[in-house]
């Protein structure tokens, strides 16, 4: 039996810093502070449209966020694994059948991906249901299925149901649990910028809408084949210059969240694909400049912005680490860097916990 609930939580909570599709900037590393004052030499990030590349989804009523979000202890929240075992009539404290695998975290953090692993001898398939989406998984050679899931960056609920249905190797069984939703403390960055960086010219609005639609369509599809394996390949070696989830305030007005991670680099430096996959978008966009999106299967997408050159074409199969483009400063930015975004289960997430 593999019972690694705590480990699965830790893997994705351990790393400190998909799609900002916004303008973002390279430059010196940000101080790790709640409010980050702009340094005189700091490259100014361009604004971004916060609706970019959001996977289409039905409207849901927003629930107010708690005054202080804290990760509950195991004593404060029932173990998701224990809930799942009890839901199919298994005693959580009793020995489980040999080869039975169930790794599920107790919590889901907003804007952070998490891994679910299930398996049993003879397993044919598993279906994972989360936030109204269903993923059908095929087991690997060890009879284990893996799925990456995510909670939106903006908190919507206090708890969320998760269901996993196992088929093959025994009776078809659906295990159920509720995960507690927690909200990490994302920092705030306040910047004074020229007005031209805040609002795009009216002449570009139609182009921006087309770009938004292209990205929405690219990341809304779920391909059945799993190409990714964890940890993912880090596309560039440069230092992180801006973290995921930062609330950016331009000239006193909050313009949205930074839905990506920025890496320092020089124009022309190669960018390696985070893992194998199919290129589903490769084009020049207003905010992102030269942009590439790779579908890694089962709802996992990586996105590379501001490239000086695109080295792949739509529909092309790429391998892990293969050069998809070169670092640049195209789009609404003022310096060369890589903006890396990720989508998991239709939601923008922090790529950092997934990388080597």
Protein backbone atom coordinates (compact mmCIF):
# COMPACT_ATOMS: atom_id res chain seq x y z
CA UNK A 1 0.00 0.00 0.00
CA UNK A 2 1.15 3.55 -0.72
CA UNK A 3 -0.41 6.01 1.65
CA UNK A 4 1.38 9.29 0.96
CA UNK A 5 -1.21 11.95 1.58
CA UNK A 6 1.09 14.09 3.69
CA UNK A 7 3.93 13.74 1.21
CA UNK A 8 1.75 14.75 -1.71
CA UNK A 9 0.76 17.92 0.15
CA UNK A 10 4.34 18.73 1.02
CA UNK A 11 5.64 18.32 -2.52
CA UNK A 12 3.54 21.17 -3.78
CA UNK A 13 3.63 23.39 -0.73
CA UNK A 14 7.40 23.27 -0.38
CA UNK A 15 8.30 25.51 -3.33
CA UNK A 16 7.69 29.25 -2.87
CA UNK A 17 6.95 30.65 -6.25
CA UNK A 18 -0.48 30.14 -15.92
CA UNK A 19 -1.50 32.87 -17.24
CA UNK A 20 -0.72 36.44 -16.73
CA UNK A 21 -0.77 36.89 -20.36
CA UNK A 22 0.03 40.10 -19.25
CA UNK A 23 2.83 42.00 -19.46
CA UNK A 24 5.41 41.21 -16.93
CA UNK A 25 8.98 42.21 -16.49
CA UNK A 26 12.39 40.85 -15.91
CA UNK A 27 14.87 42.59 -13.68
CA UNK A 28 16.33 42.30 -10.22
CA UNK A 29 14.87 39.75 -7.83
CA UNK A 30 11.93 41.11 -5.83
CA UNK A 31 12.33 41.46 -2.09
CA UNK A 32 10.16 38.93 -0.30
CA UNK A 33 7.87 41.48 1.31
CA UNK A 34 4.15 42.03 1.41
CA UNK A 35 4.55 45.36 -0.38
CA UNK A 36 7.35 45.68 -2.88
CA UNK A 37 8.43 49.27 -3.67
CA UNK A 38 9.79 49.76 -7.19
CA UNK A 39 13.56 50.07 -7.31
CA UNK A 40 14.92 52.88 -9.53
CA UNK A 41 16.53 50.39 -11.91
CA UNK A 42 13.54 48.01 -11.97
CA UNK A 43 12.15 47.21 -15.39
CA UNK A 44 8.57 48.35 -15.50
CA UNK A 45 6.01 45.63 -16.17
CA UNK A 46 3.33 46.36 -18.70
CA UNK A 47 -0.31 45.95 -17.71
CA UNK A 48 -2.28 42.88 -18.56
CA UNK A 49 -5.82 41.85 -19.17
CA UNK A 50 -6.87 39.66 -16.24
CA UNK A 51 -9.43 37.82 -18.37
CA UNK A 52 -6.81 36.41 -20.71
CA UNK A 53 -6.93 32.69 -21.39
CA UNK A 54 -9.32 31.82 -18.61
CA UNK A 55 -10.85 28.48 -19.48
CA UNK A 56 -14.60 28.96 -20.14
CA UNK A 57 -16.71 27.94 -17.19
CA UNK A 58 -20.21 28.59 -15.87
CA UNK A 59 -20.66 31.54 -13.56
CA UNK A 60 -20.52 30.70 -9.88
CA UNK A 61 -21.43 32.91 -6.93
CA UNK A 62 -18.34 34.15 -5.13
CA UNK A 63 -17.97 33.36 -1.47
CA UNK A 64 -16.25 35.88 0.82
CA UNK A 65 -12.67 35.08 1.78
CA UNK A 66 -11.96 34.66 5.47
CA UNK A 67 -10.16 37.45 7.28
CA UNK A 68 -7.20 35.14 7.88
CA UNK A 69 -6.61 31.99 5.86
CA UNK A 70 -4.69 29.30 7.66
CA UNK A 71 -3.84 25.75 6.63
CA UNK A 72 -5.74 23.53 9.07
CA UNK A 73 -3.93 20.84 10.99
CA UNK A 74 -4.80 17.19 10.47
CA UNK A 75 -6.75 17.35 13.75
CA UNK A 76 -8.80 20.27 12.42
CA UNK A 77 -9.73 18.65 9.10
CA UNK A 78 -10.49 14.99 8.37
CA UNK A 79 -7.96 13.20 6.20
CA UNK A 80 -9.13 13.05 2.61
CA UNK A 81 -7.64 9.57 2.32
CA UNK A 82 -9.58 8.39 5.36
CA UNK A 83 -12.77 9.88 3.94
CA UNK A 84 -12.24 8.09 0.64
CA UNK A 85 -11.55 4.73 2.20
CA UNK A 86 -14.60 5.03 4.44
CA UNK A 87 -16.76 6.00 1.44
CA UNK A 88 -16.21 2.54 -0.10
CA UNK A 89 -16.57 0.65 3.16
CA UNK A 90 -12.88 0.16 3.98
CA UNK A 91 -11.61 0.69 7.51
CA UNK A 92 -9.01 3.50 7.28
CA UNK A 93 -6.85 1.99 10.05
CA UNK A 94 -6.94 -1.58 8.77
CA UNK A 95 -4.33 -3.03 6.38
CA UNK A 96 -5.31 -2.41 2.77
CA UNK A 97 -5.04 -4.90 -0.06
CA UNK A 98 -1.52 -5.27 -1.43
CA UNK A 99 -0.82 -2.85 -4.28
CA UNK A 100 -3.58 -0.42 -3.35
CA UNK A 101 -2.41 3.20 -3.92
CA UNK A 102 -4.21 6.32 -2.72
CA UNK A 103 -2.40 9.67 -2.45
CA UNK A 104 -4.70 12.67 -1.94
CA UNK A 105 -3.95 15.92 -0.05
CA UNK A 106 -6.23 17.19 2.72
CA UNK A 107 -6.15 20.75 1.36
CA UNK A 108 -6.15 22.54 -1.98
CA UNK A 109 -4.44 25.94 -2.07
CA UNK A 110 -5.70 28.65 -4.42
CA UNK A 111 -3.45 29.02 -7.44
CA UNK A 112 -1.42 25.92 -6.55
CA UNK A 113 -1.54 22.56 -8.36
CA UNK A 114 -1.86 19.29 -6.47
CA UNK A 115 -1.35 15.66 -7.40
CA UNK A 116 -3.78 12.76 -7.02
CA UNK A 117 -2.47 9.18 -7.38
CA UNK A 118 -4.66 6.08 -7.31
CA UNK A 119 -4.13 2.47 -8.19
CA UNK A 120 -4.83 -1.17 -7.45
CA UNK A 121 -3.85 -4.47 -9.09
CA UNK A 122 -5.79 -5.00 -12.32
CA UNK A 123 -6.95 -1.38 -12.56
CA UNK A 124 -8.20 -0.57 -16.06
CA UNK A 125 -9.07 3.11 -15.66
CA UNK A 126 -9.82 5.80 -13.10
CA UNK A 127 -12.07 8.82 -13.37
CA UNK A 128 -11.29 11.92 -11.29
CA UNK A 129 -14.00 14.55 -10.80
CA UNK A 130 -13.09 18.03 -9.52
CA UNK A 131 -14.81 21.42 -9.98
CA UNK A 132 -17.29 20.07 -12.50
CA UNK A 133 -14.59 18.57 -14.72
CA UNK A 134 -13.91 14.87 -15.19
CA UNK A 135 -10.61 13.30 -16.22
CA UNK A 136 -10.41 9.70 -17.41
CA UNK A 137 -7.01 8.22 -16.56
CA UNK A 138 -5.14 5.20 -17.89
CA UNK A 139 -2.83 3.40 -15.43
CA UNK A 140 0.90 3.15 -16.01
CA UNK A 141 2.88 -0.10 -16.03
CA UNK A 142 2.55 -0.26 -12.24
CA UNK A 143 -1.22 0.06 -12.33
CA UNK A 144 -1.15 3.64 -10.98
CA UNK A 145 -3.00 6.68 -12.35
CA UNK A 146 -1.90 10.29 -11.79
CA UNK A 147 -3.82 13.54 -12.25
CA UNK A 148 -2.89 17.15 -11.64
CA UNK A 149 -5.73 19.30 -10.33
CA UNK A 150 -6.00 22.91 -9.18
CA UNK A 151 -8.14 25.46 -7.37
CA UNK A 152 -8.63 28.94 -8.89
CA UNK A 153 -6.35 31.76 -7.80
CA UNK A 154 -9.39 33.62 -6.47
CA UNK A 155 -10.95 31.73 -3.58
CA UNK A 156 -14.48 30.53 -4.33
CA UNK A 157 -15.33 28.04 -1.59
CA UNK A 158 -14.29 26.78 1.83
CA UNK A 159 -14.45 23.09 0.86
CA UNK A 160 -14.58 21.24 -2.46
CA UNK A 161 -15.73 17.68 -3.26
CA UNK A 162 -13.39 15.26 -4.98
CA UNK A 163 -14.50 11.93 -6.43
CA UNK A 164 -12.37 9.10 -7.84
CA UNK A 165 -13.95 6.11 -9.59
CA UNK A 166 -11.90 2.94 -10.03
CA UNK A 167 -12.74 0.43 -12.78
CA UNK A 168 -11.06 -2.96 -13.13
CA UNK A 169 -9.27 -5.13 -10.61
CA UNK A 170 -12.44 -5.49 -8.56
CA UNK A 171 -15.86 -3.89 -8.38
CA UNK A 172 -16.30 -0.40 -9.84
CA UNK A 173 -16.10 1.88 -6.82
CA UNK A 174 -16.38 5.64 -6.36
CA UNK A 175 -14.39 7.11 -3.49
CA UNK A 176 -15.39 10.56 -2.21
CA UNK A 177 -13.85 13.24 -0.01
CA UNK A 178 -14.01 16.96 0.66
CA UNK A 179 -10.81 19.00 0.49
CA UNK A 180 -10.38 22.16 2.54
CA UNK A 181 -9.59 25.22 0.39
CA UNK A 182 -6.82 27.47 1.76
CA UNK A 183 -5.47 30.78 0.49
CA UNK A 184 -1.70 31.38 0.52
CA UNK A 185 -0.48 34.91 1.36
CA UNK A 186 0.36 36.36 -2.07
CA UNK A 187 2.41 39.60 -1.96
CA UNK A 188 1.51 43.04 -3.34
CA UNK A 189 3.66 45.02 -5.79
CA UNK A 190 3.02 48.75 -6.15
CA UNK A 191 4.45 50.44 -9.22
CA UNK A 192 4.44 53.96 -10.63
CA UNK A 193 4.48 53.68 -14.42
CA UNK A 194 3.89 55.95 -17.43
CA UNK A 195 0.21 55.92 -18.49
CA UNK A 196 1.05 54.18 -21.77
CA UNK A 197 1.86 51.00 -19.79
CA UNK A 198 -1.53 50.92 -18.07
CA UNK A 199 -4.11 51.02 -20.86
CA UNK A 200 -3.71 49.75 -24.43
CA UNK A 201 -4.63 52.05 -27.35
CA UNK A 202 -8.17 51.66 -28.68
CA UNK A 203 -6.75 50.62 -32.05
CA UNK A 204 -5.46 47.39 -30.45
CA UNK A 205 -8.62 46.32 -28.60
CA UNK A 206 -9.92 44.04 -31.38
CA UNK A 207 -6.56 42.33 -31.67
CA UNK A 208 -6.47 41.80 -27.91
CA UNK A 209 -9.92 40.17 -28.03
CA UNK A 210 -8.74 37.81 -30.78
CA UNK A 211 -5.69 36.92 -28.72
CA UNK A 212 -7.85 36.21 -25.68
CA UNK A 213 -10.13 33.91 -27.67
CA UNK A 214 -7.19 32.03 -29.20
CA UNK A 215 -5.72 31.30 -25.77
CA UNK A 216 -9.08 30.34 -24.25
CA UNK A 217 -9.63 27.81 -27.02
CA UNK A 218 -6.09 26.45 -26.72
CA UNK A 219 -6.24 25.69 -22.99
CA UNK A 220 -9.88 24.59 -22.75
CA UNK A 221 -9.37 21.22 -24.45
CA UNK A 222 -8.36 18.09 -22.54
CA UNK A 223 -6.31 15.60 -24.53
CA UNK A 224 -6.50 12.01 -23.23
CA UNK A 225 -2.81 11.10 -23.46
CA UNK A 226 -0.50 11.95 -20.54
CA UNK A 227 2.89 13.25 -21.68
CA UNK A 228 4.06 14.88 -18.43
CA UNK A 229 5.95 13.43 -15.51
CA UNK A 230 6.98 15.15 -12.29
CA UNK A 231 9.09 17.05 -11.65
CA UNK A 232 8.85 19.03 -14.88
CA UNK A 233 11.87 20.44 -16.69
CA UNK A 234 12.85 24.02 -15.71
CA UNK A 235 12.78 25.85 -19.07
CA UNK A 236 15.64 28.31 -18.32
CA UNK A 237 18.35 28.56 -15.65
CA UNK A 238 17.84 32.27 -14.88
CA UNK A 239 16.83 33.64 -11.49
CA UNK A 240 13.19 34.20 -10.64
CA UNK A 241 12.48 37.94 -10.88
CA UNK A 242 8.72 37.95 -10.24
CA UNK A 243 6.59 35.41 -8.42
CA UNK A 244 3.22 33.98 -9.32
CA UNK A 245 0.09 35.50 -7.77
CA UNK A 246 1.52 38.94 -7.00
CA UNK A 247 -1.19 41.60 -6.83
CA UNK A 248 0.04 44.43 -9.02
CA UNK A 249 -1.05 48.01 -8.34
CA UNK A 250 -0.24 50.48 -11.12
CA UNK A 251 -0.40 54.17 -10.26
CA UNK A 252 -2.59 53.40 -7.25
CA UNK A 253 -5.02 51.13 -9.14
CA UNK A 254 -5.01 47.35 -8.83
CA UNK A 255 -4.88 45.89 -12.33
CA UNK A 256 -4.90 42.18 -11.63
CA UNK A 257 -2.68 39.29 -10.54
CA UNK A 258 0.57 38.12 -12.03
CA UNK A 259 -0.39 34.76 -13.47
CA UNK A 260 3.05 33.45 -14.18
CA UNK A 261 6.66 33.24 -13.03
CA UNK A 262 9.31 35.50 -14.57
CA UNK A 263 12.86 34.27 -15.16
CA UNK A 264 15.84 36.48 -15.94
CA UNK A 265 17.75 35.88 -19.14
CA UNK A 266 19.39 37.42 -22.17
CA UNK A 267 17.87 37.86 -25.60
CA UNK A 268 18.50 34.72 -27.61
CA UNK A 269 18.86 32.32 -24.69
CA UNK A 270 17.11 29.00 -25.49
CA UNK A 271 13.89 27.99 -23.73
CA UNK A 272 13.31 24.27 -23.20
CA UNK A 273 9.84 22.69 -23.13
CA UNK A 274 8.73 21.76 -19.62
CA UNK A 275 7.92 18.29 -20.91
CA UNK A 276 6.80 16.43 -24.00
CA UNK A 277 3.60 17.59 -25.64
CA UNK A 278 1.87 19.09 -28.66
CA UNK A 279 2.21 22.76 -29.62
CA UNK A 280 -1.33 24.16 -29.71
CA UNK A 281 -0.51 27.85 -30.20
CA UNK A 282 2.48 29.67 -31.67
CA UNK A 283 1.86 33.28 -32.64
CA UNK A 284 2.62 36.94 -31.98
CA UNK A 285 0.21 38.50 -29.46
CA UNK A 286 -0.26 42.03 -28.19
CA UNK A 287 0.55 41.54 -24.52
CA UNK A 288 2.57 38.34 -24.64
CA UNK A 289 4.52 39.06 -27.80
CA UNK A 290 5.74 35.86 -29.44
CA UNK A 291 3.85 33.20 -27.51
CA UNK A 292 3.95 29.39 -27.44
CA UNK A 293 1.53 27.05 -25.66
CA UNK A 294 2.29 23.34 -25.26
CA UNK A 295 -0.37 20.77 -24.34
CA UNK A 296 1.15 18.13 -22.04
CA UNK A 297 -2.05 16.09 -21.80
CA UNK A 298 -4.83 15.62 -19.25
CA UNK A 299 -5.47 19.36 -18.98
CA UNK A 300 -1.87 20.44 -18.28
CA UNK A 301 -0.49 23.30 -20.41
CA UNK A 302 2.73 25.33 -20.32
CA UNK A 303 2.96 28.78 -21.90
CA UNK A 304 6.04 30.81 -22.86
CA UNK A 305 5.77 34.57 -23.47
CA UNK A 306 7.83 37.46 -24.90
CA UNK A 307 10.03 35.25 -27.09
CA UNK A 308 12.48 36.86 -29.52
CA UNK A 309 11.96 33.87 -31.82
CA UNK A 310 9.53 30.94 -32.03
CA UNK A 311 11.23 27.65 -32.91
CA UNK A 312 8.14 25.43 -33.23
CA UNK A 313 4.90 25.29 -35.19
CA UNK A 314 1.33 24.53 -34.17
CA UNK A 315 0.63 20.80 -34.24
CA UNK A 316 4.30 19.89 -33.72
CA UNK A 317 5.25 17.23 -31.16
CA UNK A 318 8.03 18.43 -28.85
CA UNK A 319 10.17 16.50 -26.39
CA UNK A 320 11.10 17.38 -22.82
CA UNK A 321 13.76 20.11 -22.88
CA UNK A 322 13.46 20.74 -26.63
CA UNK A 323 13.92 24.40 -27.59
CA UNK A 324 10.51 25.99 -28.23
CA UNK A 325 11.83 29.54 -28.59
CA UNK A 326 14.37 32.12 -27.48
CA UNK A 327 14.18 34.62 -24.63
CA UNK A 328 13.19 38.09 -25.79
CA UNK A 329 11.29 41.26 -24.98
CA UNK A 330 8.39 41.15 -27.44
CA UNK A 331 4.92 42.30 -26.42
CA UNK A 332 4.26 44.77 -23.60
CA UNK A 333 7.53 44.52 -21.69
CA UNK A 334 10.62 46.64 -21.23
CA UNK A 335 13.33 44.01 -20.86
CA UNK A 336 14.22 40.47 -21.98
CA UNK A 337 13.03 37.61 -19.79
CA UNK A 338 10.81 34.53 -19.88
CA UNK A 339 7.30 34.71 -18.50
CA UNK A 340 6.23 31.11 -17.84
CA UNK A 341 2.56 30.34 -17.25
CA UNK A 342 0.83 27.06 -16.49
CA UNK A 343 -2.74 25.84 -16.69
CA UNK A 344 -3.96 22.80 -14.80
CA UNK A 345 -7.55 21.56 -14.94
CA UNK A 346 -8.59 24.79 -16.64
CA UNK A 347 -7.04 27.05 -14.00
CA UNK A 348 -3.98 29.28 -13.96
CA UNK A 349 -1.49 27.89 -11.41
CA UNK A 350 1.96 28.55 -9.99
CA UNK A 351 4.39 26.55 -12.11
CA UNK A 352 7.16 26.58 -9.50
CA UNK A 353 6.00 23.59 -7.39
CA UNK A 354 5.99 21.42 -10.50
CA UNK A 355 9.52 22.18 -11.69
CA UNK A 356 12.87 20.56 -11.02
